Protein backbone atom coordinates (compact mmCIF):
# COMPACT_ATOMS: atom_id res chain seq x y z
CA MET A 1 -6.67 32.88 -65.27
CA SER A 2 -7.79 30.14 -67.63
CA GLU A 3 -11.46 29.33 -67.89
CA ALA A 4 -12.80 26.15 -66.32
CA GLU A 5 -15.91 24.05 -66.60
CA PRO A 6 -18.69 25.33 -64.33
CA THR A 7 -18.90 23.42 -61.05
CA PRO A 8 -22.45 22.58 -59.88
CA HIS A 9 -23.59 24.87 -57.09
CA PRO A 10 -24.05 23.14 -53.68
CA GLU A 11 -27.74 24.11 -53.72
CA ASP A 12 -28.20 22.16 -56.97
CA PRO A 13 -29.70 18.72 -56.16
CA ASP A 14 -27.43 17.19 -58.80
CA ALA A 15 -24.30 18.78 -57.35
CA GLN A 16 -21.42 16.51 -56.42
CA GLY A 17 -18.71 17.23 -53.88
CA SER A 18 -18.60 19.91 -51.22
CA VAL A 19 -17.25 23.39 -50.77
CA PRO A 20 -14.79 24.93 -51.34
CA HIS A 21 -15.94 25.15 -54.94
CA ILE A 22 -15.35 27.31 -58.02
CA ASP A 23 -18.41 28.83 -59.59
CA THR A 24 -18.64 30.83 -62.81
CA VAL A 25 -20.12 34.30 -62.62
CA GLN A 26 -23.45 33.75 -64.28
CA PRO A 27 -25.47 35.72 -63.39
CA PRO A 28 -23.39 38.35 -61.58
CA PRO A 29 -23.56 38.12 -57.78
CA VAL A 30 -25.40 40.62 -55.67
CA SER A 31 -23.89 43.99 -55.00
CA GLY A 32 -21.14 43.87 -52.41
CA ASP A 33 -19.50 40.62 -53.53
CA ALA A 34 -16.22 40.74 -55.43
CA PHE A 35 -16.79 39.61 -59.03
CA LEU A 36 -15.74 40.15 -62.61
CA SER A 37 -18.53 41.37 -64.88
CA PRO A 38 -19.56 39.12 -67.78
CA ALA A 39 -18.92 40.13 -71.36
CA PRO A 40 -21.79 41.62 -73.44
CA ASP A 41 -22.54 38.20 -74.96
CA GLY A 42 -23.03 36.73 -71.49
CA THR A 43 -19.83 34.67 -71.31
CA PRO A 44 -17.98 34.96 -68.01
CA LYS A 45 -14.73 36.90 -67.85
CA GLY A 46 -13.53 35.46 -64.57
CA LEU A 47 -14.27 33.22 -61.64
CA ILE A 48 -15.41 33.68 -58.06
CA ILE A 49 -13.66 31.53 -55.47
CA GLU A 50 -15.81 30.75 -52.47
CA THR A 51 -14.31 29.06 -49.42
CA SER A 52 -15.81 27.57 -46.30
CA GLU A 53 -14.48 26.81 -42.84
CA GLY A 54 -16.87 23.89 -42.51
CA SER A 55 -18.23 23.46 -38.99
CA GLN A 56 -16.53 26.68 -37.89
CA GLU A 57 -18.65 28.72 -40.30
CA LEU A 58 -21.33 30.98 -38.83
CA SER A 59 -24.54 29.78 -40.50
CA ALA A 60 -27.30 32.07 -41.67
CA ARG A 61 -30.05 32.64 -39.12
CA SER A 62 -32.65 30.93 -41.32
CA THR A 63 -30.65 27.67 -41.27
CA THR A 64 -29.71 27.82 -37.57
CA ASP A 65 -32.08 26.19 -35.11
CA ALA A 66 -33.18 27.87 -31.91
CA GLY A 67 -30.97 25.63 -29.79
CA GLU A 68 -27.87 26.80 -31.62
CA LEU A 69 -28.91 30.42 -31.25
CA ARG A 70 -29.28 29.89 -27.50
CA ARG A 71 -25.91 28.22 -27.19
CA GLU A 72 -24.00 31.29 -26.06
CA VAL A 73 -26.17 31.61 -22.97
CA GLY A 74 -27.31 28.01 -22.64
CA ALA A 75 -25.64 24.70 -23.32
CA VAL A 76 -22.09 26.02 -23.30
CA LEU A 77 -22.62 27.31 -19.78
CA ARG A 78 -24.00 23.97 -18.57
CA LEU A 79 -27.04 25.22 -16.71
CA PRO A 80 -28.27 22.99 -13.87
CA GLU A 81 -30.76 20.30 -14.79
CA GLY A 82 -34.29 21.58 -14.99
CA VAL A 83 -33.32 25.20 -15.58
CA ALA A 84 -34.68 26.55 -18.84
CA ILE A 85 -33.89 29.68 -20.78
CA ASP A 86 -36.71 32.06 -21.58
CA PRO A 87 -36.99 32.02 -25.40
CA SER A 88 -38.08 35.65 -25.28
CA ASP A 89 -34.52 36.52 -24.25
CA ILE A 90 -33.14 35.12 -27.51
CA ASP A 91 -33.54 36.80 -30.89
CA VAL A 92 -34.67 33.57 -32.53
CA GLU A 93 -37.42 34.90 -34.76
CA ARG A 94 -35.38 37.62 -36.43
CA SER A 95 -35.28 37.16 -40.19
CA ASP A 96 -32.15 37.03 -42.31
CA ASP A 97 -32.98 40.18 -44.22
CA GLU A 98 -32.72 42.13 -40.96
CA THR A 99 -29.20 40.94 -40.17
CA MET A 100 -25.91 40.51 -41.92
CA ILE A 101 -22.87 38.33 -41.30
CA ILE A 102 -19.46 39.93 -41.69
CA ASN A 103 -15.85 38.88 -41.13
CA MET A 104 -13.51 40.76 -38.84
CA GLY A 105 -10.06 39.36 -39.55
CA PRO A 106 -7.97 37.35 -39.89
CA GLN A 107 -5.96 40.18 -41.44
CA HIS A 108 -7.51 42.85 -39.21
CA PRO A 109 -4.72 44.40 -37.09
CA SER A 110 -6.73 44.30 -33.87
CA THR A 111 -7.44 40.56 -34.15
CA HIS A 112 -3.79 39.78 -33.40
CA GLY A 113 -2.88 38.74 -36.90
CA VAL A 114 -4.55 35.37 -37.39
CA LEU A 115 -7.88 35.42 -35.53
CA ARG A 116 -11.07 35.58 -37.57
CA LEU A 117 -14.31 36.72 -35.96
CA MET A 118 -17.58 36.06 -37.77
CA LEU A 119 -20.17 38.53 -36.54
CA GLU A 120 -23.92 38.60 -37.10
CA LEU A 121 -25.05 42.21 -36.92
CA ASP A 122 -28.41 43.89 -36.54
CA GLY A 123 -27.39 47.34 -37.67
CA GLU A 124 -24.38 48.00 -35.45
CA THR A 125 -25.45 45.60 -32.68
CA VAL A 126 -23.63 42.27 -32.43
CA LEU A 127 -26.08 39.38 -32.15
CA ARG A 128 -23.71 36.43 -32.53
CA THR A 129 -19.96 35.97 -32.63
CA LYS A 130 -17.95 32.98 -33.75
CA PRO A 131 -14.16 32.94 -33.36
CA VAL A 132 -12.55 31.00 -36.20
CA ILE A 133 -9.04 29.74 -35.50
CA GLY A 134 -6.51 27.52 -37.21
CA TYR A 135 -4.72 29.98 -39.46
CA LEU A 136 -1.32 29.53 -37.79
CA HIS A 137 -0.96 25.72 -37.50
CA THR A 138 2.32 25.52 -35.62
CA GLY A 139 1.82 21.89 -34.57
CA MET A 140 4.08 22.26 -31.55
CA GLU A 141 2.47 19.49 -29.50
CA LYS A 142 3.11 16.94 -32.23
CA THR A 143 6.58 18.34 -32.85
CA ALA A 144 7.38 17.73 -29.18
CA GLU A 145 7.12 13.98 -29.74
CA GLU A 146 10.10 14.14 -32.09
CA LEU A 147 12.26 16.31 -29.83
CA THR A 148 14.16 15.19 -26.75
CA TYR A 149 13.37 16.69 -23.38
CA VAL A 150 16.60 18.68 -23.70
CA GLN A 151 15.33 20.20 -26.95
CA GLY A 152 11.77 20.74 -25.70
CA SER A 153 12.27 24.29 -24.46
CA THR A 154 13.27 25.48 -27.94
CA ASN A 155 9.84 24.32 -29.12
CA VAL A 156 7.41 25.48 -26.43
CA THR A 157 9.05 28.89 -25.97
CA ARG A 158 7.52 29.91 -29.31
CA MET A 159 3.89 29.27 -28.31
CA ASP A 160 2.98 32.33 -26.26
CA TYR A 161 5.70 34.49 -27.75
CA LEU A 162 4.89 37.40 -25.41
CA SER A 163 5.65 35.28 -22.33
CA PRO A 164 8.10 32.64 -23.60
CA LEU A 165 9.71 32.05 -20.21
CA HIS A 166 6.38 30.86 -18.78
CA ASN A 167 6.17 28.25 -21.55
CA GLU A 168 9.67 27.03 -20.77
CA LEU A 169 8.87 26.94 -17.05
CA VAL A 170 5.74 24.81 -17.29
CA LEU A 171 7.46 22.21 -19.50
CA SER A 172 10.49 22.10 -17.20
CA LEU A 173 8.32 21.66 -14.10
CA ALA A 174 6.45 18.79 -15.76
CA VAL A 175 9.67 17.01 -16.77
CA GLU A 176 11.18 17.53 -13.32
CA ALA A 177 8.04 16.12 -11.70
CA LEU A 178 8.48 12.90 -13.71
CA LEU A 179 12.21 12.82 -12.97
CA GLY A 180 11.59 13.31 -9.26
CA VAL A 181 14.57 15.64 -8.89
CA GLU A 182 14.85 18.26 -6.16
CA MET A 183 15.72 21.67 -7.53
CA PRO A 184 18.38 23.88 -5.92
CA PRO A 185 16.85 26.95 -4.19
CA ARG A 186 18.77 29.42 -6.36
CA SER A 187 17.29 27.84 -9.49
CA ASP A 188 13.75 28.44 -8.22
CA TRP A 189 14.45 32.07 -7.33
CA ILE A 190 16.11 32.76 -10.70
CA ARG A 191 13.08 31.32 -12.46
CA MET A 192 10.73 33.45 -10.34
CA LEU A 193 12.71 36.57 -11.18
CA LEU A 194 12.57 35.87 -14.91
CA VAL A 195 8.90 34.92 -15.16
CA GLU A 196 7.78 37.92 -13.10
CA LEU A 197 9.82 40.23 -15.30
CA ASN A 198 8.20 38.45 -18.24
CA ARG A 199 4.76 39.06 -16.71
CA VAL A 200 5.53 42.77 -16.49
CA SER A 201 6.76 42.90 -20.11
CA SER A 202 3.65 41.01 -21.31
CA HIS A 203 1.28 43.34 -19.48
CA LEU A 204 3.19 46.36 -20.79
CA MET A 205 2.70 45.02 -24.31
CA TRP A 206 -1.01 44.65 -23.58
CA MET A 207 -1.24 48.17 -22.21
CA ALA A 208 0.42 49.42 -25.40
CA THR A 209 -1.70 47.48 -27.90
CA ASN A 210 -4.95 47.95 -25.97
CA GLY A 211 -4.29 51.67 -25.94
CA MET A 212 -3.80 51.61 -29.70
CA ASP A 213 -6.96 49.54 -30.21
CA ILE A 214 -8.98 52.11 -28.27
CA GLY A 215 -7.24 55.08 -29.84
CA SER A 216 -4.46 56.05 -27.41
CA THR A 217 -1.37 56.20 -29.60
CA SER A 218 0.60 57.64 -26.67
CA MET A 219 0.11 54.45 -24.66
CA MET A 220 1.53 52.45 -27.57
CA ILE A 221 4.76 54.44 -27.37
CA TYR A 222 5.04 54.33 -23.58
CA GLY A 223 4.34 50.61 -23.29
CA PHE A 224 7.02 49.69 -25.80
CA ARG A 225 9.45 52.11 -24.16
CA GLU A 226 9.30 50.38 -20.77
CA ARG A 227 9.13 46.89 -22.23
CA GLU A 228 12.38 47.57 -24.06
CA MET A 229 14.24 47.81 -20.74
CA ILE A 230 13.10 44.32 -19.75
CA LEU A 231 13.94 42.80 -23.13
CA ALA A 232 17.40 44.33 -22.92
CA PHE A 233 17.91 42.61 -19.56
CA PHE A 234 16.66 39.32 -21.03
CA GLU A 235 19.14 39.67 -23.87
CA LYS A 236 21.94 40.26 -21.38
CA THR A 237 20.88 37.22 -19.32
CA THR A 238 19.78 34.66 -21.91
CA GLY A 239 21.38 35.96 -25.11
CA LEU A 240 18.00 36.61 -26.78
CA ARG A 241 15.18 39.13 -26.46
CA MET A 242 12.50 36.47 -27.06
CA ASN A 243 12.30 32.66 -27.43
CA HIS A 244 15.08 32.23 -24.90
CA ASN A 245 15.48 28.47 -24.31
CA PHE A 246 16.92 29.53 -20.94
CA ILE A 247 14.67 27.75 -18.42
CA ARG A 248 15.35 24.06 -19.05
CA PRO A 249 14.57 20.76 -17.29
CA GLY A 250 16.98 20.66 -14.37
CA GLY A 251 17.43 24.40 -13.90
CA THR A 252 18.54 27.22 -16.17
CA ALA A 253 21.04 27.39 -19.00
CA ALA A 254 23.35 29.71 -17.04
CA ASP A 255 23.59 31.79 -13.91
CA LEU A 256 22.52 35.44 -13.76
CA PRO A 257 25.06 37.88 -15.23
CA ASP A 258 27.26 40.12 -13.14
CA GLY A 259 25.48 43.26 -12.00
CA TRP A 260 22.01 41.77 -12.40
CA GLU A 261 20.84 43.27 -9.09
CA ASP A 262 21.52 46.82 -10.31
CA ASP A 263 19.83 46.14 -13.66
CA VAL A 264 16.68 44.74 -12.02
CA THR A 265 16.55 47.56 -9.47
CA ILE A 266 16.71 50.16 -12.24
CA ILE A 267 13.86 48.40 -14.08
CA CYS A 268 11.69 48.40 -10.93
CA ASP A 269 12.51 52.02 -10.08
CA THR A 270 11.61 53.07 -13.62
CA VAL A 271 8.50 51.01 -14.39
CA LEU A 272 6.73 51.50 -11.05
CA PRO A 273 6.40 55.31 -11.17
CA ARG A 274 5.47 55.12 -14.85
CA THR A 275 2.51 52.89 -14.03
CA ASP A 276 1.23 55.90 -12.09
CA GLU A 277 1.58 57.92 -15.30
CA TYR A 278 -0.43 55.29 -17.20
CA ASP A 279 -3.02 55.46 -14.44
CA GLU A 280 -3.27 59.22 -14.79
CA LEU A 281 -3.30 59.04 -18.59
CA LEU A 282 -6.06 56.43 -18.98
CA THR A 283 -8.07 55.76 -15.83
CA GLY A 284 -9.87 59.09 -15.64
CA GLN A 285 -9.93 59.75 -19.38
CA PRO A 286 -13.62 60.14 -20.40
CA VAL A 287 -13.34 58.46 -23.81
CA PHE A 288 -11.36 55.54 -22.38
CA ARG A 289 -13.93 55.01 -19.62
CA GLN A 290 -16.83 55.14 -22.06
CA ARG A 291 -15.17 52.47 -24.21
CA SER A 292 -14.38 50.21 -21.25
CA GLU A 293 -16.90 50.63 -18.41
CA GLY A 294 -19.83 48.25 -18.81
CA ILE A 295 -18.40 46.88 -22.09
CA GLY A 296 -17.83 43.14 -22.48
CA THR A 297 -19.32 42.26 -19.10
CA LEU A 298 -19.12 38.73 -17.76
CA SER A 299 -20.43 37.21 -14.53
CA ALA A 300 -18.42 34.95 -12.24
CA GLU A 301 -20.78 32.04 -12.96
CA GLU A 302 -20.32 32.42 -16.71
CA ALA A 303 -16.54 32.73 -16.43
CA LEU A 304 -16.29 29.61 -14.25
CA ALA A 305 -18.62 27.63 -16.51
CA LEU A 306 -16.43 28.45 -19.51
CA SER A 307 -13.20 27.59 -17.60
CA LEU A 308 -11.84 31.10 -18.11
CA THR A 309 -8.77 31.98 -16.06
CA GLY A 310 -6.33 34.81 -15.49
CA PRO A 311 -7.35 38.48 -15.49
CA ILE A 312 -10.67 37.62 -17.19
CA LEU A 313 -11.76 35.37 -14.32
CA ARG A 314 -10.37 37.67 -11.64
CA SER A 315 -12.23 40.61 -13.21
CA THR A 316 -15.50 38.92 -12.20
CA GLY A 317 -14.47 38.86 -8.53
CA VAL A 318 -13.06 35.31 -8.31
CA PRO A 319 -9.64 35.49 -6.54
CA TRP A 320 -8.11 32.54 -8.41
CA ASP A 321 -4.37 32.84 -8.97
CA LEU A 322 -2.29 29.65 -9.11
CA ARG A 323 0.65 31.43 -7.48
CA ARG A 324 -1.50 31.77 -4.37
CA ALA A 325 -4.01 28.91 -4.72
CA MET A 326 -1.49 26.19 -5.71
CA PRO A 327 1.98 27.67 -5.07
CA TYR A 328 4.92 26.49 -7.15
CA LEU A 329 8.57 27.58 -7.17
CA ARG A 330 8.90 29.84 -4.08
CA TYR A 331 5.71 31.88 -4.35
CA ASP A 332 4.69 30.82 -0.86
CA GLU A 333 7.73 32.70 0.46
CA VAL A 334 6.88 36.12 -1.01
CA ASP A 335 4.11 38.60 -0.22
CA PHE A 336 1.77 39.84 -2.94
CA ASP A 337 -1.91 40.56 -3.43
CA VAL A 338 -4.29 38.88 -5.86
CA ILE A 339 -6.04 41.70 -7.75
CA VAL A 340 -9.75 41.16 -8.43
CA GLY A 341 -12.50 43.19 -10.08
CA THR A 342 -16.24 43.49 -9.58
CA PHE A 343 -18.13 43.86 -12.85
CA GLY A 344 -16.11 41.69 -15.23
CA ASP A 345 -15.93 44.42 -17.89
CA ASN A 346 -13.14 45.86 -20.00
CA PHE A 347 -12.30 48.43 -17.34
CA ASP A 348 -11.84 45.76 -14.67
CA ARG A 349 -9.54 43.78 -16.95
CA TYR A 350 -7.50 46.93 -17.61
CA SER A 351 -7.30 47.75 -13.90
CA ILE A 352 -6.22 44.23 -12.99
CA ARG A 353 -3.35 44.17 -15.49
CA LEU A 354 -2.19 47.63 -14.47
CA ASN A 355 -2.10 46.64 -10.80
CA GLU A 356 -0.54 43.23 -11.54
CA ILE A 357 2.45 45.12 -12.95
CA ARG A 358 2.81 46.76 -9.54
CA GLU A 359 2.43 43.45 -7.70
CA SER A 360 5.00 41.75 -9.94
CA ILE A 361 7.48 44.53 -9.21
CA ARG A 362 6.76 43.97 -5.51
CA ILE A 363 7.61 40.28 -5.96
CA ILE A 364 10.74 41.08 -7.99
CA ARG A 365 12.09 43.33 -5.24
CA GLN A 366 11.64 40.50 -2.72
CA VAL A 367 13.40 38.07 -5.06
CA VAL A 368 16.40 40.42 -5.28
CA GLU A 369 16.58 40.55 -1.47
CA LYS A 370 16.15 36.80 -0.91
CA MET A 371 18.20 35.40 -3.81
CA PRO A 372 20.36 32.62 -2.31
CA THR A 373 23.77 31.48 -3.43
CA GLY A 374 24.47 28.01 -4.78
CA ASP A 375 23.81 26.01 -7.94
CA TYR A 376 21.54 27.27 -10.69
CA ARG A 377 20.82 23.71 -11.89
CA VAL A 378 20.70 20.19 -10.43
CA GLN A 379 24.03 18.40 -10.18
CA ASP A 380 22.73 15.12 -11.58
CA LYS A 381 24.99 13.85 -14.35
CA LYS A 382 22.11 12.00 -15.98
CA VAL A 383 20.26 15.30 -16.51
CA THR A 384 22.82 18.09 -16.43
CA PRO A 385 25.71 18.53 -18.89
CA PRO A 386 29.17 19.18 -17.43
CA PRO A 387 30.46 22.74 -16.92
CA ARG A 388 31.75 24.37 -20.09
CA GLY A 389 35.27 24.64 -18.70
CA ARG A 390 35.49 20.89 -18.07
CA ILE A 391 34.90 20.05 -21.73
CA ASP A 392 38.35 21.39 -22.68
CA GLU A 393 40.04 19.40 -19.92
CA SER A 394 38.37 15.99 -19.90
CA MET A 395 37.47 13.53 -22.67
CA GLU A 396 34.84 12.01 -20.36
CA ALA A 397 33.24 15.43 -19.93
CA LEU A 398 33.21 15.95 -23.70
CA ILE A 399 31.53 12.56 -24.25
CA HIS A 400 29.04 13.30 -21.48
CA HIS A 401 28.19 16.68 -23.03
CA PHE A 402 27.82 15.09 -26.46
CA LYS A 403 25.47 12.36 -25.24
CA VAL A 404 23.23 14.75 -23.27
CA PHE A 405 22.67 17.01 -26.29
CA THR A 406 22.39 14.28 -28.94
CA GLU A 407 20.62 11.41 -27.19
CA GLY A 408 19.06 13.35 -24.32
CA PHE A 409 18.20 11.84 -20.96
CA ARG A 410 15.59 9.20 -20.19
CA VAL A 411 12.55 10.08 -18.12
CA PRO A 412 10.76 7.38 -16.06
CA GLU A 413 7.44 6.15 -17.40
CA GLY A 414 4.40 8.02 -16.17
CA GLU A 415 2.12 10.97 -16.78
CA VAL A 416 1.81 14.33 -15.08
CA TYR A 417 -0.08 17.61 -15.32
CA VAL A 418 1.54 20.80 -14.05
CA ALA A 419 -0.04 24.26 -14.20
CA THR A 420 1.42 27.73 -13.76
CA GLU A 421 -0.06 31.23 -13.79
CA SER A 422 0.90 32.92 -17.04
CA PRO A 423 -0.05 36.55 -17.80
CA ARG A 424 -3.14 35.21 -19.57
CA GLY A 425 -4.25 32.56 -17.07
CA GLU A 426 -3.69 28.89 -16.30
CA LEU A 427 -0.93 27.53 -18.51
CA GLY A 428 -0.82 23.75 -18.09
CA CYS A 429 1.38 20.99 -19.46
CA TYR A 430 0.17 17.39 -19.63
CA LEU A 431 3.11 15.09 -20.29
CA VAL A 432 3.25 11.32 -20.89
CA SER A 433 6.58 9.50 -20.79
CA ASP A 434 7.25 5.97 -22.07
CA GLY A 435 10.73 5.85 -20.58
CA SER A 436 12.49 7.15 -23.69
CA PRO A 437 14.37 10.45 -24.13
CA LYS A 438 11.34 11.90 -25.97
CA PRO A 439 7.77 12.56 -24.73
CA TYR A 440 5.21 9.99 -25.80
CA ARG A 441 2.54 12.73 -25.73
CA MET A 442 2.45 16.38 -24.76
CA HIS A 443 -0.57 18.63 -24.50
CA ILE A 444 -0.54 22.29 -23.51
CA ARG A 445 -3.55 23.87 -21.85
CA GLY A 446 -3.20 27.31 -23.41
CA PRO A 447 -5.17 30.03 -21.59
CA SER A 448 -5.62 32.08 -24.77
CA PHE A 449 -7.34 29.12 -26.45
CA VAL A 450 -9.77 28.62 -23.57
CA ASN A 451 -10.37 32.32 -22.95
CA LEU A 452 -11.53 32.85 -26.55
CA GLN A 453 -14.69 30.93 -25.58
CA GLY A 454 -15.78 34.01 -23.67
CA LEU A 455 -15.82 36.30 -26.72
CA PRO A 456 -19.33 35.38 -27.97
CA LEU A 457 -20.76 36.03 -24.52
CA MET A 458 -18.86 39.27 -23.95
CA MET A 459 -19.73 40.69 -27.37
CA ARG A 460 -23.40 39.72 -27.41
CA GLY A 461 -25.63 42.79 -27.46
CA GLY A 462 -22.72 45.21 -27.79
CA LEU A 463 -21.81 47.49 -30.65
CA LEU A 464 -19.52 46.64 -33.53
CA ALA A 465 -17.25 49.48 -32.41
CA ASP A 466 -16.82 47.70 -29.05
CA ALA A 467 -15.83 44.39 -30.65
CA VAL A 468 -12.25 45.57 -31.08
CA ALA A 469 -12.02 46.70 -27.45
CA VAL A 470 -13.50 43.44 -26.14
CA CYS A 471 -11.20 41.29 -28.25
CA SER A 472 -8.23 43.30 -27.02
CA SER A 473 -9.30 42.89 -23.38
CA VAL A 474 -9.02 39.10 -23.72
CA ASP A 475 -5.34 39.51 -24.70
CA PRO A 476 -5.16 36.38 -26.91
CA VAL A 477 -1.83 35.25 -28.32
CA MET A 478 -2.57 33.17 -31.40
CA GLY A 479 0.71 31.23 -31.28
CA GLU A 480 -0.69 29.65 -28.14
CA VAL A 481 -4.15 29.09 -29.64
CA ASP A 482 -2.98 27.32 -32.81
CA ARG A 483 -0.16 25.44 -31.12
């Protein structure tokens, strides 16, 4: 590396510019920082590169006012007017030399690849936590403005890549709401079958990775083993194991394959008894219970104030599930229970996901029994391309097919918000149409993004060793956070 002129340090009153900056090593930094030692004559051999995340950075305690230190249990939770927090409950007076700020991630395997947690520690006790996001930058919401509604599913399916069919569903429901089309019954039941299978596969992935985070390598093997059966069925149905582009505005890309009933029945008959094995393996295991019971607790009031949804909210005892509270598709025609917890801790979140696998299998069995015959997509020529067989027989059908997939279809002007219950919580799509074949604006309410707000509260006062388990219990998918 070539040498450069020293850049004034930000603490220098004559300094110009802002971080990130490059500073020569003179004198050497304190022990613990990465640096290159100076030569005997005092000239620097190398450079230190310091970077900053700006407003996302976790400031030192000496430069953070008391109001900011109270934020995790104060302003963020929007306490009623006139209610004050007892300053004695907040470690405001602690000096910097008693604490240290460390990074966990973004490369740490348990932070899901691209999540960075800045932690202020007093020994091994976590005082403050700040999730730092933005390392993925997919830009899918802006990309949607340059894609037609026909192409939209190829974009959103890559957000929450562990439950891609839920992403496709919420976009399709929003577009169909603006179109005002009535969906064929078979289309709704096919979609329910696929998203519930997707919920099972997502929870199996969580069971696997959460087991690994806590130290159960066996659970990692078992979770992937059962999930593989579902992905194989998805590949048979949609052509792909993930990122399917199968649920589209107007229905689905194709009908279910021959023999799908037998395939789904085998999945249900295999996964259901194996959930009992997971139960036996983990639920009564002393180490697992010690790392989950009473760890990362959250009250119902805190969860509601932070707009948390999904298993995190239900773990606090709030029975909020959009499939029951605001039914979509045909969820009002099937029987299932909404699983809730009591203490809002890691163990409750584990128990809820384990039992939601069982409830989803219960729904899937009902879907197999009630699946109607008929069309798998709307027969509206303005929205739906012609059958594949017609393209070889009719020039008009070929032109129609060409126009649908090149120009797309026009959606009436308006705006709509549609929400569904993904494995992680409320997945919403806000869509604005200007009457063209492309969305004017699209915004996705990603549950992983919102649920990360709960991390500082859940980690506060816990041990550093529990930070991994708490982060895992949130089940964040960063493709959905940095969309």
